[in-house]
C-alpha cells in the first residue's frame, strides 16, 4: 500500500510541476505582451502525506493600483491633448507672420503716413491696401482657428467611435469570463485583455470601474453607465445644436439619449472639451470683438471726414450690422417646435461687448431664461410688457409666446426673434454676437480719392483777433439730416460765425451768416437738455461744447471782445488731416472694456501663453505620476525573466525528482514482488 502511495505522490508531483513549468513558460512567452499579468501556480499539500496539487493558477494583480493607473492615464491624455492644441493656438496668435497685432501696427502706420501727407494719393492707396490686408489677416486667423475646431471634432468623432468599440469588447469579455468560470476554465488572459481595454477607454475619458462578481461595470461622466455586465450603452458624437460647429457627445440608455458633453472629464474627450471652452471659443470671440470694434469705430470716424471729391466719407470696412451678419449671430435649436420667421442681433455698442455666448430658453408665462455660455451663469433681466418707442432699455426683455415675438437688450446687443407659429416652452436659441465677426470683416473701400482724411468743417480765425482763443470743431453725427446736406449744398447748413462781444464777463453770440450782410442768431442745442434754444450774449465757459445738428464747436483759451471765428464747409481741403488724426488715434483709444484693440489682443495672447506654460508643467507632472503608477503596477504584475528562470530551474528539478519518485516506487514494488 505504501508503494502505491509513493507512486501516487510521484504522479501528482509530476502533474503539479508540469503545470508549474507550463505557467513559467507562459510567463516567459508573454514577458513583452501588453497588459499581461504574471501568473503563479499555487501548490497545496494534500493531507496525510498524500502529495500535492495545483489549487489554482493565480494572476498577479492589485485593483487599487489598477484603478489609480486608469485615473492617471485619463488625466495625462487629457492634459496632453489640451497642451498640444493650446500650444498650436499660442503659436498661431503670437507668430509675427499670422499675428493680428503685427497687422494692426502696419495698418495704423499706413494711416500715420496719410496724416503726414494727406495730399499724397500713394499714401491713401497704401492705407486702402493695408485695410484690406488687415481684414484678410482677421479672416485667415479665424479660418485657422476653425480648422483647429474641425480637427478637434474629427478627434472627438474617432474617440467616440473607439469608445463604443472598446466598450463592446469589454462587454463581450465580461460574458466570456463568466461563462468560462462556470465551466471551471482559466480566464487569466481574458482578464488581462479586459484591463488593457479599460486602459484604452481611460485614454478617451475618465472612468470609474466597479467589479461586480466576474464583471467589470464601467461608468463615465456623472455616473452614466457605459458597461454593465454584457450590456453596452452606445456613445456617439452628434451634430451640435444650436451650434452645428460644436458637436456633442450622447449616450443612449434605455432608448433615451442623454447629452453628457459638459459632464465628461479626463481623457481625450475631456481635453477636447476643455480646449474648446477655455481656448478655442474665447479666442474666436475675442478676435470677433476686436474686429467689430475696429470696423465700427473706423467706419464711424471715417464718415465724419471729407474725401478728395468733397464728399463725406463712407465705410472703410463692411457694415458690422449688415443683414447677413445680424442673421448669423443667432441660431435656433433643432428640437424647437416653433420655426423662425425672422431674426437679427444688432450690435449697438461695441464697447460693451463681452466674450460670452448667450443661451435663451423660453419659459412658461412669457418668461425668458438667459444663460451665459460656457459658464452657465443666469443673466438677470427685467421683463417689460411692451417695447417703448425709444426701444428697450439695457438688461430688459419683451416676450410674447402667443405671437412668437422676443426682444432682448443687454451687453451692447439688441436681439429680435420672430417665429412663424407661437413659441413653445423650452424652445432654445443661441446668441453668438462676436463668434463669426473675424471671418466676416472685409475692406470695402477701393478708390484712394474716397479716403476721407479732412474734416468737412473749415474753421477761419479772424486775423485781427486779440485773444488767445482757439476754435475746434468735431463731427458728432455724420448721419444727421442737416449735416448730410453739406456736400450737396457746398456749405454748412447754415454757415456760422461766433462773435465775442464783452470782456467781463466774456460773452458770445452765434450767427447764421448765410447772408453775410444780415447775420442772424442761431438756434443752439442746450448741452444740458439737448433742446433747441435761441441764444445770444451767452456767457463763455472755456471748453464748453456749442452743440449743433451733427457737430459741435469748442473754444479753448481766452478770447477778447471783437474776436471772431467762422465755420463753413471745407471745400477742396485736400491738405487737411484732422480726420486722419482722429482715425490714427483709434490705435490708442480704449475702445473695449479692458483697453485698446492692441491691449485686448495682447491680453488673449498672454492668457493663452500662460495657460500653455502652466499646461506643460501640469503635463510633465502628470506624466511623472502616471509613469510612477505604471512602474508600481509593473512591479506587481510584470514578468521578471530572472525570477522566471530561477523558477524554471526549480520546477525542472522538482519535475525530475518527481519522476525519480515514480521510478523508486516502481523499483520497490518490483522488489516486493520478487521477494514473494
Foldseek 3Di string as FASTA:
>chain_A
DVLVLLLQQLVQLLVALVVQLVLLVVQVVCQPPPLFFRWGFDWDADPPRSHIHGPDTDGFFDVVLLLVLLQLLQALLLLVLLLVLLVVLLCQCPPCVLHLLVLVVLLLVLLVVCLVFLLDLVSLQSNLVSLQVSLVSLQVSLVVLLVVLVVLVVVLQVLLVLLQVLQQLLLVLLVVQVVVVVVVDDCSVSVSVNSVSSSSNSQAFRWDWDCDPSHTFIAFFPGHTQHDRNDGWHKGWDQDPPHRSDIFIWTADPNDIDTRQVRTDGHSSNSSSCCVQPPSLLVLLLSLLLLLLLQVVLQQLQQQFAFQVRAGFGGQKDDCQDQVNQQVQKGWGPPWPWAWPDKGKAQQASQLADSWKKKWFQAPPQDIWIATPPVRHTQQAAEDDDADPVGDDERYKYGDQQQQWIWHHYSRMIIIIRTPGGGDGGTMMMGSNRNCNSSRIRGDDDRSRSRGQARQKDKDWPPPWDFPKDKDKGFDASPFPQNNCCSVVVKRPFKWKKAWADVVQIFIFIWRPPPVVDTDGDFWQDPVPRHTDGDGRHGDDAQDWTHDGRMIMGMHGHTDHGTMMIMMGPPSPSRHRVSSVVSSCLQFAQSYPQGHSSRSSVVSSVVSVVVSVVSVVVSVVSVVVSVVSVVVRCVRGRRDVVVSVVVSVVSVVSSVVSVVSVVVSVVVVVVVVVVD
